[in-house]
Amino acid sequence: MVFAGFCLWVVASLLIPGAAAHSGALSEEDEGFCRGGLDLSYPDLDINTCMVIPQEFREKISREWGPPKVQLTTADKKKTYTLIMVDPDAPSRTNPTRSHWRHWVLVDIEGKGLRAGDVKGTVLSEYTRPTPPQHTGFHRYQFLLYEQPTDQVLSLSEQEKNSLGNWDPQAFVQKFKLEGPVTSLQFLTQNHKD
């Protein structure tokens, strides 16, 4: 068991230059969420597997860094995609009364740009940094990528625009007949002062 943990630390350390892996806090469910090869790149941190953000990066991810660079090298160049980022643990994982806090919705992403890591699209919900409140433990920040049907105009309702909390991403996916998710990735972080 110790050896397996050490191996996981070594692998994660190789994947994230300068970052120590803290995968011990991940449950089997959290580990299993990530699939499909999505890559996120923040200025000093690359995320390509489910992980806990190391302490030394928590303040930067919450207060300094903007949206990550997003890449899926296997994206179909001819398809269009939608990226959703949510926090299902608002205000805390033990009391998620504002579950699926919407952090980012980007639609009309061209597959060729996604392959190259040059993601451009229509912003339906501006990127908001992960900012878990103090003393609420770890929050999951989930990135889900869907294929869009052709010639589909996606939008948020007025009610959705008025609130980021209690958003229903599944209703959004069903309403616009999005396919997938074709890939998903998450990281866990907590308030940098905790």
C-alpha atoms as a PDB file:
ATOM      1  CA  MET A   1       0.000   0.000   0.000  1.00  0.00           C
ATOM      2  CA  VAL A   2       2.840   2.412   0.864  1.00  0.00           C
ATOM      3  CA  PHE A   3       4.624   1.416  -2.343  1.00  0.00           C
ATOM      4  CA  ALA A   4       1.474   2.095  -4.422  1.00  0.00           C
ATOM      5  CA  GLY A   5       1.146   5.554  -2.844  1.00  0.00           C
ATOM      6  CA  PHE A   6       4.795   6.264  -3.537  1.00  0.00           C
ATOM      7  CA  CYS A   7       4.406   5.192  -7.183  1.00  0.00           C
ATOM      8  CA  LEU A   8       1.391   7.485  -7.566  1.00  0.00           C
ATOM      9  CA  TRP A   9       3.439  10.340  -6.080  1.00  0.00           C
ATOM     10  CA  VAL A  10       6.311   9.658  -8.489  1.00  0.00           C
ATOM     11  CA  VAL A  11       4.008   9.529 -11.531  1.00  0.00           C
ATOM     12  CA  ALA A  12       2.182  12.719 -10.543  1.00  0.00           C
ATOM     13  CA  SER A  13       5.459  14.492  -9.804  1.00  0.00           C
ATOM     14  CA  LEU A  14       6.672  13.657 -13.299  1.00  0.00           C
ATOM     15  CA  LEU A  15       3.439  14.907 -14.857  1.00  0.00           C
ATOM     16  CA  ILE A  16       3.375  18.171 -12.900  1.00  0.00           C
ATOM     17  CA  PRO A  17       6.780  19.803 -12.884  1.00  0.00           C
ATOM     18  CA  GLY A  18       7.487  21.481  -9.564  1.00  0.00           C
ATOM     19  CA  ALA A  19       4.277  20.190  -7.981  1.00  0.00           C
ATOM     20  CA  ALA A  20       4.082  17.528  -5.343  1.00  0.00           C
ATOM     21  CA  ALA A  21       1.146  15.177  -5.745  1.00  0.00           C
ATOM     22  CA  HIS A  22      -1.399  14.984  -2.973  1.00  0.00           C
ATOM     23  CA  SER A  23      -3.596  12.182  -4.260  1.00  0.00           C
ATOM     24  CA  GLY A  24      -4.211  10.654  -0.828  1.00  0.00           C
ATOM     25  CA  ALA A  25      -7.385  12.745  -0.397  1.00  0.00           C
ATOM     26  CA  LEU A  26      -8.972  11.384  -3.580  1.00  0.00           C
ATOM     27  CA  SER A  27     -11.701   8.819  -3.186  1.00  0.00           C
ATOM     28  CA  GLU A  28     -12.183   6.069  -5.743  1.00  0.00           C
ATOM     29  CA  GLU A  29     -15.147   8.041  -7.100  1.00  0.00           C
ATOM     30  CA  ASP A  30     -13.004  11.182  -7.450  1.00  0.00           C
ATOM     31  CA  GLU A  31     -10.228   9.238  -9.189  1.00  0.00           C
ATOM     32  CA  GLY A  32     -12.741   7.638 -11.569  1.00  0.00           C
ATOM     33  CA  PHE A  33     -14.238  10.929 -12.724  1.00  0.00           C
ATOM     34  CA  CYS A  34     -11.340  11.751 -15.037  1.00  0.00           C
ATOM     35  CA  ARG A  35     -11.400  10.141 -18.440  1.00  0.00           C
ATOM     36  CA  GLY A  36     -10.700  10.974 -22.036  1.00  0.00           C
ATOM     37  CA  GLY A  37      -7.417  12.894 -22.126  1.00  0.00           C
ATOM     38  CA  LEU A  38      -8.381  16.512 -21.370  1.00  0.00           C
ATOM     39  CA  ASP A  39      -5.388  18.695 -20.421  1.00  0.00           C
ATOM     40  CA  LEU A  40      -5.538  21.924 -18.415  1.00  0.00           C
ATOM     41  CA  SER A  41      -2.565  24.260 -18.110  1.00  0.00           C
ATOM     42  CA  TYR A  42      -2.289  27.062 -15.591  1.00  0.00           C
ATOM     43  CA  PRO A  43       0.908  29.194 -15.534  1.00  0.00           C
ATOM     44  CA  ASP A  44       2.846  26.902 -13.158  1.00  0.00           C
ATOM     45  CA  LEU A  45       0.641  23.825 -13.044  1.00  0.00           C
ATOM     46  CA  ASP A  46      -0.458  21.232 -15.616  1.00  0.00           C
ATOM     47  CA  ILE A  47      -3.461  19.063 -14.826  1.00  0.00           C
ATOM     48  CA  ASN A  48      -4.158  15.963 -16.898  1.00  0.00           C
ATOM     49  CA  THR A  49      -5.423  13.596 -14.226  1.00  0.00           C
ATOM     50  CA  CYS A  50      -7.676  13.878 -11.189  1.00  0.00           C
ATOM     51  CA  MET A  51      -5.666  15.469  -8.417  1.00  0.00           C
ATOM     52  CA  VAL A  52      -5.627  17.615  -5.308  1.00  0.00           C
ATOM     53  CA  ILE A  53      -4.076  21.021  -5.926  1.00  0.00           C
ATOM     54  CA  PRO A  54      -0.860  21.253  -3.882  1.00  0.00           C
ATOM     55  CA  GLN A  55      -0.882  23.844  -1.074  1.00  0.00           C
ATOM     56  CA  GLU A  56       1.701  26.048  -2.791  1.00  0.00           C
ATOM     57  CA  PHE A  57      -0.652  26.647  -5.755  1.00  0.00           C
ATOM     58  CA  ARG A  58      -3.998  27.137  -3.953  1.00  0.00           C
ATOM     59  CA  GLU A  59      -3.735  30.897  -3.536  1.00  0.00           C
ATOM     60  CA  LYS A  60      -2.572  31.359  -7.135  1.00  0.00           C
ATOM     61  CA  ILE A  61      -5.442  29.305  -8.581  1.00  0.00           C
ATOM     62  CA  SER A  62      -7.952  31.217  -6.426  1.00  0.00           C
ATOM     63  CA  ARG A  63      -6.612  34.758  -6.657  1.00  0.00           C
ATOM     64  CA  GLU A  64      -4.125  35.177  -9.506  1.00  0.00           C
ATOM     65  CA  TRP A  65      -4.514  32.815 -12.419  1.00  0.00           C
ATOM     66  CA  GLY A  66      -7.150  33.259 -15.074  1.00  0.00           C
ATOM     67  CA  PRO A  67      -8.723  30.455 -17.080  1.00  0.00           C
ATOM     68  CA  PRO A  68      -6.520  27.500 -17.936  1.00  0.00           C
ATOM     69  CA  LYS A  69      -5.357  26.625 -21.399  1.00  0.00           C
ATOM     70  CA  VAL A  70      -7.533  23.676 -22.478  1.00  0.00           C
ATOM     71  CA  GLN A  71      -6.420  20.973 -24.896  1.00  0.00           C
ATOM     72  CA  LEU A  72      -7.781  17.693 -26.195  1.00  0.00           C
ATOM     73  CA  THR A  73      -5.354  16.256 -28.735  1.00  0.00           C
ATOM     74  CA  THR A  74      -7.928  13.686 -29.887  1.00  0.00           C
ATOM     75  CA  ALA A  75     -10.659  16.248 -30.659  1.00  0.00           C
ATOM     76  CA  ASP A  76     -12.292  15.856 -34.059  1.00  0.00           C
ATOM     77  CA  LYS A  77     -11.178  18.825 -36.183  1.00  0.00           C
ATOM     78  CA  LYS A  78     -14.560  18.945 -37.912  1.00  0.00           C
ATOM     79  CA  LYS A  79     -16.669  19.027 -34.748  1.00  0.00           C
ATOM     80  CA  THR A  80     -17.714  21.770 -32.360  1.00  0.00           C
ATOM     81  CA  TYR A  81     -17.576  21.441 -28.572  1.00  0.00           C
ATOM     82  CA  THR A  82     -18.960  22.887 -25.341  1.00  0.00           C
ATOM     83  CA  LEU A  83     -16.881  23.163 -22.167  1.00  0.00           C
ATOM     84  CA  ILE A  84     -18.557  23.350 -18.766  1.00  0.00           C
ATOM     85  CA  MET A  85     -16.808  23.978 -15.432  1.00  0.00           C
ATOM     86  CA  VAL A  86     -18.796  23.511 -12.212  1.00  0.00           C
ATOM     87  CA  ASP A  87     -18.310  23.141  -8.465  1.00  0.00           C
ATOM     88  CA  PRO A  88     -20.774  20.488  -7.253  1.00  0.00           C
ATOM     89  CA  ASP A  89     -19.724  21.161  -3.647  1.00  0.00           C
ATOM     90  CA  ALA A  90     -20.995  24.693  -3.030  1.00  0.00           C
ATOM     91  CA  PRO A  91     -20.929  25.833  -0.305  1.00  0.00           C
ATOM     92  CA  SER A  92     -19.376  22.570   0.995  1.00  0.00           C
ATOM     93  CA  ARG A  93     -19.211  18.938   0.003  1.00  0.00           C
ATOM     94  CA  THR A  94     -21.100  17.923   3.161  1.00  0.00           C
ATOM     95  CA  ASN A  95     -23.823  20.543   2.568  1.00  0.00           C
ATOM     96  CA  PRO A  96     -24.061  21.231  -1.190  1.00  0.00           C
ATOM     97  CA  THR A  97     -27.118  23.513  -1.059  1.00  0.00           C
ATOM     98  CA  ARG A  98     -25.780  25.611  -3.985  1.00  0.00           C
ATOM     99  CA  SER A  99     -24.558  22.572  -5.904  1.00  0.00           C
ATOM    100  CA  HIS A 100     -23.146  22.873  -9.401  1.00  0.00           C
ATOM    101  CA  TRP A 101     -21.975  26.417  -9.008  1.00  0.00           C
ATOM    102  CA  ARG A 102     -21.283  27.486 -12.594  1.00  0.00           C
ATOM    103  CA  HIS A 103     -17.676  28.604 -13.071  1.00  0.00           C
ATOM    104  CA  TRP A 104     -17.387  28.644 -16.852  1.00  0.00           C
ATOM    105  CA  VAL A 105     -19.416  27.786 -19.945  1.00  0.00           C
ATOM    106  CA  LEU A 106     -17.742  28.105 -23.328  1.00  0.00           C
ATOM    107  CA  VAL A 107     -19.561  26.971 -26.476  1.00  0.00           C
ATOM    108  CA  ASP A 108     -18.810  26.808 -30.213  1.00  0.00           C
ATOM    109  CA  ILE A 109     -15.233  25.604 -29.628  1.00  0.00           C
ATOM    110  CA  GLU A 110     -13.737  24.400 -32.893  1.00  0.00           C
ATOM    111  CA  GLY A 111     -12.159  20.962 -32.777  1.00  0.00           C
ATOM    112  CA  LYS A 112      -8.998  22.086 -34.563  1.00  0.00           C
ATOM    113  CA  GLY A 113      -8.424  24.795 -31.939  1.00  0.00           C
ATOM    114  CA  LEU A 114      -9.100  22.343 -29.126  1.00  0.00           C
ATOM    115  CA  ARG A 115      -6.526  19.927 -30.566  1.00  0.00           C
ATOM    116  CA  ALA A 116      -3.930  22.708 -30.626  1.00  0.00           C
ATOM    117  CA  GLY A 117      -4.813  24.080 -27.190  1.00  0.00           C
ATOM    118  CA  ASP A 118      -6.002  27.339 -28.765  1.00  0.00           C
ATOM    119  CA  VAL A 119      -9.552  27.320 -27.469  1.00  0.00           C
ATOM    120  CA  LYS A 120     -11.814  30.091 -28.673  1.00  0.00           C
ATOM    121  CA  GLY A 121     -15.571  30.129 -28.546  1.00  0.00           C
ATOM    122  CA  THR A 122     -18.646  31.959 -27.354  1.00  0.00           C
ATOM    123  CA  VAL A 123     -18.632  32.661 -23.614  1.00  0.00           C
ATOM    124  CA  LEU A 124     -22.008  31.974 -22.008  1.00  0.00           C
ATOM    125  CA  SER A 125     -20.649  32.208 -18.474  1.00  0.00           C
ATOM    126  CA  GLU A 126     -17.350  34.009 -17.757  1.00  0.00           C
ATOM    127  CA  TYR A 127     -14.592  32.053 -16.030  1.00  0.00           C
ATOM    128  CA  THR A 128     -14.624  32.516 -12.273  1.00  0.00           C
ATOM    129  CA  ARG A 129     -11.694  31.293 -10.210  1.00  0.00           C
ATOM    130  CA  PRO A 130     -12.061  28.412  -7.753  1.00  0.00           C
ATOM    131  CA  THR A 131     -12.622  30.174  -4.418  1.00  0.00           C
ATOM    132  CA  PRO A 132     -13.831  27.690  -1.812  1.00  0.00           C
ATOM    133  CA  PRO A 133     -14.870  29.451   1.417  1.00  0.00           C
ATOM    134  CA  GLN A 134     -12.730  28.946   4.504  1.00  0.00           C
ATOM    135  CA  HIS A 135     -13.478  25.911   6.651  1.00  0.00           C
ATOM    136  CA  THR A 136     -15.585  24.160   3.978  1.00  0.00           C
ATOM    137  CA  GLY A 137     -13.024  21.486   3.103  1.00  0.00           C
ATOM    138  CA  PHE A 138     -12.127  20.370  -0.369  1.00  0.00           C
ATOM    139  CA  HIS A 139     -14.297  21.276  -3.356  1.00  0.00           C
ATOM    140  CA  ARG A 140     -14.303  19.452  -6.676  1.00  0.00           C
ATOM    141  CA  TYR A 141     -13.902  21.617  -9.771  1.00  0.00           C
ATOM    142  CA  GLN A 142     -15.168  19.618 -12.708  1.00  0.00           C
ATOM    143  CA  PHE A 143     -14.514  20.232 -16.404  1.00  0.00           C
ATOM    144  CA  LEU A 144     -16.832  18.449 -18.837  1.00  0.00           C
ATOM    145  CA  LEU A 145     -16.464  18.605 -22.605  1.00  0.00           C
ATOM    146  CA  TYR A 146     -19.389  17.808 -24.911  1.00  0.00           C
ATOM    147  CA  GLU A 147     -19.876  17.577 -28.661  1.00  0.00           C
ATOM    148  CA  GLN A 148     -22.379  20.098 -29.993  1.00  0.00           C
ATOM    149  CA  PRO A 149     -24.910  19.269 -32.684  1.00  0.00           C
ATOM    150  CA  THR A 150     -24.307  21.217 -35.894  1.00  0.00           C
ATOM    151  CA  ASP A 151     -26.140  24.517 -36.368  1.00  0.00           C
ATOM    152  CA  GLN A 152     -27.252  24.623 -32.731  1.00  0.00           C
ATOM    153  CA  VAL A 153     -27.389  28.020 -30.985  1.00  0.00           C
ATOM    154  CA  LEU A 154     -26.699  27.536 -27.277  1.00  0.00           C
ATOM    155  CA  SER A 155     -27.698  30.075 -24.641  1.00  0.00           C
ATOM    156  CA  LEU A 156     -28.497  30.472 -20.973  1.00  0.00           C
ATOM    157  CA  SER A 157     -31.992  31.449 -19.891  1.00  0.00           C
ATOM    158  CA  GLU A 158     -32.520  34.747 -18.072  1.00  0.00           C
ATOM    159  CA  GLN A 159     -33.027  32.793 -14.857  1.00  0.00           C
ATOM    160  CA  GLU A 160     -29.700  30.982 -15.373  1.00  0.00           C
ATOM    161  CA  LYS A 161     -27.908  34.267 -16.059  1.00  0.00           C
ATOM    162  CA  ASN A 162     -29.149  35.705 -12.759  1.00  0.00           C
ATOM    163  CA  SER A 163     -27.564  33.030 -10.552  1.00  0.00           C
ATOM    164  CA  LEU A 164     -24.423  30.929 -10.678  1.00  0.00           C
ATOM    165  CA  GLY A 165     -25.477  28.580  -7.865  1.00  0.00           C
ATOM    166  CA  ASN A 166     -27.908  25.665  -8.134  1.00  0.00           C
ATOM    167  CA  TRP A 167     -27.317  25.434 -11.860  1.00  0.00           C
ATOM    168  CA  ASP A 168     -28.507  22.250 -13.536  1.00  0.00           C
ATOM    169  CA  PRO A 169     -25.835  21.292 -16.080  1.00  0.00           C
ATOM    170  CA  GLN A 170     -27.686  18.096 -16.994  1.00  0.00           C
ATOM    171  CA  ALA A 171     -30.795  20.097 -17.970  1.00  0.00           C
ATOM    172  CA  PHE A 172     -28.571  22.337 -20.127  1.00  0.00           C
ATOM    173  CA  VAL A 173     -26.990  19.281 -21.784  1.00  0.00           C
ATOM    174  CA  GLN A 174     -30.395  17.711 -22.488  1.00  0.00           C
ATOM    175  CA  LYS A 175     -31.984  20.952 -23.712  1.00  0.00           C
ATOM    176  CA  PHE A 176     -29.329  21.397 -26.397  1.00  0.00           C
ATOM    177  CA  LYS A 177     -28.827  17.673 -27.116  1.00  0.00           C
ATOM    178  CA  LEU A 178     -25.121  17.765 -26.324  1.00  0.00           C
ATOM    179  CA  GLU A 179     -23.296  14.453 -26.721  1.00  0.00           C
ATOM    180  CA  GLY A 180     -21.107  13.076 -23.975  1.00  0.00           C
ATOM    181  CA  PRO A 181     -19.292  14.152 -22.014  1.00  0.00           C
ATOM    182  CA  VAL A 182     -16.584  13.017 -24.391  1.00  0.00           C
ATOM    183  CA  THR A 183     -14.021  13.787 -21.702  1.00  0.00           C
ATOM    184  CA  SER A 184     -14.016  14.930 -18.085  1.00  0.00           C
ATOM    185  CA  LEU A 185     -11.400  16.142 -15.636  1.00  0.00           C
ATOM    186  CA  GLN A 186     -11.480  17.488 -12.092  1.00  0.00           C
ATOM    187  CA  PHE A 187      -9.238  18.828  -9.422  1.00  0.00           C
ATOM    188  CA  LEU A 188      -9.855  19.314  -5.729  1.00  0.00           C
ATOM    189  CA  THR A 189      -8.792  22.339  -3.764  1.00  0.00           C
ATOM    190  CA  GLN A 190      -9.656  24.088  -0.547  1.00  0.00           C
ATOM    191  CA  ASN A 191      -9.299  27.651   0.719  1.00  0.00           C
ATOM    192  CA  HIS A 192      -5.602  28.559   0.712  1.00  0.00           C
ATOM    193  CA  LYS A 193      -5.792  29.728   4.348  1.00  0.00           C
ATOM    194  CA  ASP A 194      -7.041  26.332   5.612  1.00  0.00           C
END
